[in-house]
Amino acid sequence: MSKRLITVGHSPDPDDAFMFYALAHDKLDTGDLEFRHELQDIETLNRRALKGELEVTAVSIHAYSYLLDKYALLPSGCSMGDRYGPMVVAREPLTIEQLKTRKIAVPGTMTTAFLALRLLLPGGFEYEVIPFDEILNAVEQGRFDAGLIIHEGQLTFQNQGLRLIVDLGIWWMEKTGLPLPLGGNVVRRDLGEATMKQISRLLKESIQYSLDHRDDALTYALKYARDMDKSLADKFVGMYVNDWTLDYGPRGREAVRRLLDEAHQAGVIAKPVAVEFVE
């Protein structure tokens, strides 16, 4: 019997690689589904999702607000910033007020990091989009006054002599009492309810498999760890693949709704977002 091909998009980062290890290495019985993985940076995946190109993909929670017609959120696979998250860094100390008048390098306008920064600086700010893995060097070299960093840069920025201006995960927790939901996995609605639920179950099994076989999954994930040794990669994976990732839970679901509600009220997102999970 020929299997139904499901193309999965995710970032070439240790946390996503760790999450999808079991599916990428045939550790699970996937039944009548066959998974093919495409690795691209999150902003590229966000843009591809707008066109409905991938059956399953990682997206920013910000981007999800524009995808409701095509995709539903899977209850597993979220990256949750629980008192940590995207950071603004600079060469010199800056206040939040000073940030409003500085040029900031950002990793993409559909990232949740950019959404959170717009909520922090509601009056607007000057920015330029550059690839996320070039931001630290660009700030260090003086091409930008500050940089909005995601992924492992959150653990390595000090190696380049840069200073933390604000951790948006901490700022959001202090503002709302909730973690900052950064990314999630979505499934295309036209696959039908039964297949959507099957994919949801398999993704959760893949995450659980990696947590249960941490060393093997981490060895695989290390291939995608830029400038990190195994212990630092393990720390980074632990930040973004954990109990939140197995299931958002009630508090995680509330965090998604609160973030998108605040963004709508602030005029960052034009329409209210009716968040819908595959249950």
Protein backbone atom coordinates (compact mmCIF):
# COMPACT_ATOMS: atom_id res chain seq x y z
CA MET A 1 0.00 0.00 0.00
CA SER A 2 1.44 3.38 -0.96
CA LYS A 3 1.85 5.79 1.92
CA ARG A 4 0.56 9.34 2.03
CA LEU A 5 3.44 11.78 1.93
CA ILE A 6 3.44 14.48 4.61
CA THR A 7 6.03 17.23 4.21
CA VAL A 8 7.14 18.71 7.54
CA GLY A 9 8.90 22.06 7.73
CA HIS A 10 11.04 22.97 10.71
CA SER A 11 14.06 25.08 11.59
CA PRO A 12 17.63 23.77 11.31
CA ASP A 13 18.08 24.27 15.04
CA PRO A 14 18.88 21.84 17.83
CA ASP A 15 15.49 22.11 19.54
CA ASP A 16 13.48 21.36 16.38
CA ALA A 17 15.91 18.62 15.34
CA PHE A 18 15.59 17.07 18.80
CA MET A 19 11.79 17.23 18.61
CA PHE A 20 11.58 15.52 15.21
CA TYR A 21 14.36 12.97 15.77
CA ALA A 22 12.06 9.94 16.02
CA LEU A 23 10.09 10.88 12.90
CA ALA A 24 13.25 11.67 10.92
CA HIS A 25 14.87 8.35 11.86
CA ASP A 26 11.90 5.97 11.53
CA LYS A 27 11.68 5.27 15.24
CA LEU A 28 7.85 5.28 15.18
CA ASP A 29 5.18 3.29 13.38
CA THR A 30 3.62 6.01 11.24
CA GLY A 31 0.98 3.78 9.68
CA ASP A 32 -0.13 4.98 6.26
CA LEU A 33 1.84 8.24 6.52
CA GLU A 34 5.37 8.92 5.34
CA PHE A 35 7.13 12.05 6.61
CA ARG A 36 9.61 14.09 4.60
CA HIS A 37 11.46 16.89 6.38
CA GLU A 38 12.40 20.28 4.93
CA LEU A 39 14.67 22.47 7.05
CA GLN A 40 14.48 26.25 6.66
CA ASP A 41 14.68 29.28 8.93
CA ILE A 42 11.47 30.18 10.75
CA GLU A 43 10.71 33.34 8.77
CA THR A 44 10.91 31.37 5.50
CA LEU A 45 8.56 28.75 6.97
CA ASN A 46 6.17 31.50 8.09
CA ARG A 47 6.04 32.85 4.53
CA ARG A 48 5.57 29.39 3.02
CA ALA A 49 2.71 28.70 5.43
CA LEU A 50 0.89 31.80 4.15
CA LYS A 51 0.74 29.98 0.80
CA GLY A 52 -0.25 26.65 2.41
CA GLU A 53 2.78 24.90 0.88
CA LEU A 54 3.53 22.43 3.70
CA GLU A 55 1.20 19.89 5.29
CA VAL A 56 2.86 20.36 8.70
CA THR A 57 5.21 23.14 9.68
CA ALA A 58 6.75 25.00 12.55
CA VAL A 59 5.58 28.62 12.58
CA SER A 60 5.86 31.62 14.83
CA ILE A 61 2.77 32.17 17.00
CA HIS A 62 2.64 35.65 15.46
CA ALA A 63 2.47 34.11 11.97
CA TYR A 64 -0.26 31.70 13.09
CA SER A 65 -2.62 34.66 13.45
CA TYR A 66 -2.55 35.01 9.63
CA LEU A 67 -3.00 31.28 8.92
CA LEU A 68 -6.35 30.44 10.52
CA ASP A 69 -8.03 29.70 7.20
CA LYS A 70 -5.43 27.10 6.22
CA TYR A 71 -3.99 25.64 9.43
CA ALA A 72 -4.86 24.54 12.97
CA LEU A 73 -2.44 24.56 15.91
CA LEU A 74 -1.17 21.19 17.07
CA PRO A 75 -1.26 20.79 20.86
CA SER A 76 2.34 19.52 20.86
CA GLY A 77 5.54 21.08 19.62
CA CYS A 78 5.42 24.56 21.10
CA SER A 79 8.48 26.59 22.03
CA MET A 80 7.54 28.41 25.21
CA GLY A 81 9.67 31.11 26.80
CA ASP A 82 9.04 30.53 30.50
CA ARG A 83 10.77 33.56 32.08
CA TYR A 84 13.17 33.73 29.12
CA GLY A 85 12.83 34.40 25.44
CA PRO A 86 14.03 36.58 22.58
CA MET A 87 16.43 39.30 23.66
CA VAL A 88 17.49 42.73 22.57
CA VAL A 89 21.26 43.10 22.86
CA ALA A 90 23.64 45.97 22.13
CA ARG A 91 27.28 46.97 22.49
CA GLU A 92 26.49 49.69 25.03
CA PRO A 93 23.90 49.90 27.82
CA LEU A 94 20.60 51.36 26.59
CA THR A 95 17.30 52.11 28.29
CA ILE A 96 13.98 50.99 26.79
CA GLU A 97 13.30 54.65 26.00
CA GLN A 98 16.61 54.93 24.13
CA LEU A 99 15.78 51.81 22.10
CA LYS A 100 12.93 53.68 20.44
CA THR A 101 15.46 55.91 18.67
CA ARG A 102 17.97 53.22 17.69
CA LYS A 103 18.18 51.04 14.59
CA ILE A 104 17.51 47.41 15.47
CA ALA A 105 18.37 44.31 13.43
CA VAL A 106 15.43 41.87 13.52
CA PRO A 107 15.07 38.27 12.27
CA GLY A 108 11.75 38.74 10.45
CA THR A 109 8.53 40.68 10.82
CA MET A 110 6.38 37.56 11.26
CA THR A 111 8.41 36.21 14.16
CA THR A 112 6.91 36.30 17.65
CA ALA A 113 10.09 38.06 18.75
CA PHE A 114 9.22 40.99 16.47
CA LEU A 115 5.63 40.98 17.70
CA ALA A 116 6.78 41.13 21.33
CA LEU A 117 9.20 43.95 20.52
CA ARG A 118 6.38 45.94 18.92
CA LEU A 119 4.35 45.48 22.10
CA LEU A 120 7.34 46.65 24.17
CA LEU A 121 7.91 49.69 21.91
CA PRO A 122 4.38 50.66 20.85
CA GLY A 123 5.38 53.96 19.28
CA GLY A 124 7.39 52.18 16.62
CA PHE A 125 11.13 51.92 15.97
CA GLU A 126 13.60 51.77 13.10
CA TYR A 127 14.53 48.24 12.07
CA GLU A 128 15.97 46.13 9.27
CA VAL A 129 15.37 42.43 8.64
CA ILE A 130 18.50 40.31 8.31
CA PRO A 131 19.02 36.52 8.75
CA PHE A 132 18.79 35.59 12.43
CA ASP A 133 22.24 33.99 12.47
CA GLU A 134 23.90 37.22 11.22
CA ILE A 135 22.44 39.54 13.85
CA LEU A 136 25.08 39.13 16.57
CA ASN A 137 27.94 39.82 14.15
CA ALA A 138 26.09 42.80 12.65
CA VAL A 139 25.63 44.40 16.09
CA GLU A 140 29.18 43.61 17.17
CA GLN A 141 30.51 45.23 13.98
CA GLY A 142 28.47 48.39 14.63
CA ARG A 143 26.17 48.04 11.60
CA PHE A 144 23.19 48.27 13.99
CA ASP A 145 22.69 49.88 17.39
CA ALA A 146 20.92 46.79 18.75
CA GLY A 147 19.77 43.35 17.66
CA LEU A 148 16.73 41.21 18.37
CA ILE A 149 18.09 37.70 18.86
CA ILE A 150 16.40 34.31 18.81
CA HIS A 151 17.58 30.69 19.00
CA GLU A 152 20.98 29.89 20.50
CA GLY A 153 22.18 33.50 20.32
CA GLN A 154 20.35 33.88 23.63
CA LEU A 155 23.08 31.76 25.23
CA THR A 156 26.12 33.00 23.28
CA PHE A 157 25.72 36.78 22.82
CA GLN A 158 28.09 37.59 25.70
CA ASN A 159 30.91 35.79 23.86
CA GLN A 160 30.85 38.72 21.43
CA GLY A 161 31.01 41.37 24.12
CA LEU A 162 27.35 42.33 23.80
CA ARG A 163 25.04 43.43 26.62
CA LEU A 164 21.50 42.36 27.38
CA ILE A 165 19.07 45.28 27.11
CA VAL A 166 15.82 43.37 27.65
CA ASP A 167 14.73 39.74 27.78
CA LEU A 168 11.25 39.76 26.25
CA GLY A 169 10.30 36.53 28.02
CA ILE A 170 10.96 38.11 31.42
CA TRP A 171 9.22 41.33 30.37
CA TRP A 172 6.14 39.39 29.23
CA MET A 173 6.01 37.31 32.43
CA GLU A 174 6.19 40.47 34.55
CA LYS A 175 3.46 42.09 32.44
CA THR A 176 1.03 39.15 32.26
CA GLY A 177 2.13 36.41 34.65
CA LEU A 178 2.26 34.06 31.65
CA PRO A 179 5.03 32.43 29.60
CA LEU A 180 5.72 33.83 26.13
CA PRO A 181 4.55 31.39 23.40
CA LEU A 182 7.12 31.78 20.64
CA GLY A 183 6.54 29.02 18.11
CA GLY A 184 4.23 26.13 17.46
CA ASN A 185 3.50 23.45 14.90
CA VAL A 186 0.48 23.67 12.62
CA VAL A 187 -1.27 21.15 10.40
CA ARG A 188 -3.15 21.93 7.21
CA ARG A 189 -6.91 21.68 7.57
CA ASP A 190 -7.52 20.15 4.14
CA LEU A 191 -5.89 16.88 5.31
CA GLY A 192 -9.12 16.11 7.13
CA GLU A 193 -9.84 15.63 10.83
CA ALA A 194 -8.70 11.99 11.06
CA THR A 195 -5.29 12.67 9.49
CA MET A 196 -4.83 15.85 11.51
CA LYS A 197 -5.39 13.87 14.72
CA GLN A 198 -3.05 11.08 13.55
CA ILE A 199 -0.30 13.63 12.87
CA SER A 200 -0.95 15.25 16.25
CA ARG A 201 -0.52 11.89 18.01
CA LEU A 202 2.68 11.05 16.09
CA LEU A 203 4.27 14.43 16.81
CA LYS A 204 3.64 14.00 20.51
CA GLU A 205 5.10 10.48 20.35
CA SER A 206 8.18 11.85 18.58
CA ILE A 207 8.77 14.46 21.28
CA GLN A 208 8.25 11.87 24.04
CA TYR A 209 10.65 9.47 22.30
CA SER A 210 13.39 12.12 22.26
CA LEU A 211 12.81 12.98 25.92
CA ASP A 212 13.02 9.26 26.75
CA HIS A 213 16.13 8.74 24.56
CA ARG A 214 17.72 12.09 25.29
CA ASP A 215 21.34 11.19 24.55
CA ASP A 216 20.63 9.73 21.09
CA ALA A 217 18.31 12.59 20.16
CA LEU A 218 20.81 15.16 21.44
CA THR A 219 23.63 13.62 19.41
CA TYR A 220 21.46 14.07 16.31
CA ALA A 221 20.47 17.62 17.33
CA LEU A 222 24.14 18.59 17.76
CA LYS A 223 24.50 18.60 13.96
CA TYR A 224 22.40 21.76 14.02
CA ALA A 225 24.02 23.43 17.01
CA ARG A 226 26.02 26.46 15.85
CA ASP A 227 28.91 27.37 18.16
CA MET A 228 27.65 25.10 20.95
CA ASP A 229 29.21 22.15 22.69
CA LYS A 230 27.03 19.27 23.88
CA SER A 231 26.37 20.70 27.34
CA LEU A 232 25.28 24.08 25.96
CA ALA A 233 23.15 22.39 23.28
CA ASP A 234 21.56 20.28 26.02
CA LYS A 235 20.73 23.44 27.97
CA PHE A 236 19.24 25.09 24.88
CA VAL A 237 17.15 22.02 24.03
CA GLY A 238 15.94 21.90 27.63
CA MET A 239 14.76 25.51 27.36
CA TYR A 240 12.53 24.78 24.37
CA VAL A 241 11.71 21.05 24.48
CA ASN A 242 10.05 20.20 27.79
CA ASP A 243 6.63 19.62 29.36
CA TRP A 244 5.27 22.68 27.51
CA THR A 245 6.31 21.03 24.25
CA LEU A 246 4.43 17.80 24.93
CA ASP A 247 1.25 19.81 25.42
CA TYR A 248 0.53 23.52 25.89
CA GLY A 249 -1.86 22.68 28.73
CA PRO A 250 -4.50 25.18 29.92
CA ARG A 251 -1.94 27.83 30.90
CA GLY A 252 -0.06 27.53 27.62
CA ARG A 253 -3.30 27.84 25.67
CA GLU A 254 -4.19 30.91 27.73
CA ALA A 255 -0.75 32.37 26.96
CA VAL A 256 -1.31 32.03 23.18
CA ARG A 257 -4.73 33.69 23.40
CA ARG A 258 -3.45 36.49 25.65
CA LEU A 259 -0.51 37.30 23.37
CA LEU A 260 -2.66 37.48 20.24
CA ASP A 261 -5.40 39.42 22.06
CA GLU A 262 -2.85 42.00 23.26
CA ALA A 263 -1.42 42.24 19.75
CA HIS A 264 -4.90 42.86 18.32
CA GLN A 265 -5.71 45.49 20.94
CA ALA A 266 -2.39 47.21 20.19
CA GLY A 267 -3.20 47.29 16.49
CA VAL A 268 -0.30 45.00 15.57
CA ILE A 269 -2.71 42.30 14.32
CA ALA A 270 -5.69 43.67 12.41
CA LYS A 271 -8.30 41.04 13.28
CA PRO A 272 -9.11 39.22 16.53
CA VAL A 273 -7.72 35.67 16.49
CA ALA A 274 -9.91 32.68 17.37
CA VAL A 275 -7.21 30.24 18.47
CA GLU A 276 -8.06 26.65 17.53
CA PHE A 277 -6.12 23.56 18.55
CA VAL A 278 -6.37 20.04 17.13
CA GLU A 279 -7.82 18.19 20.12
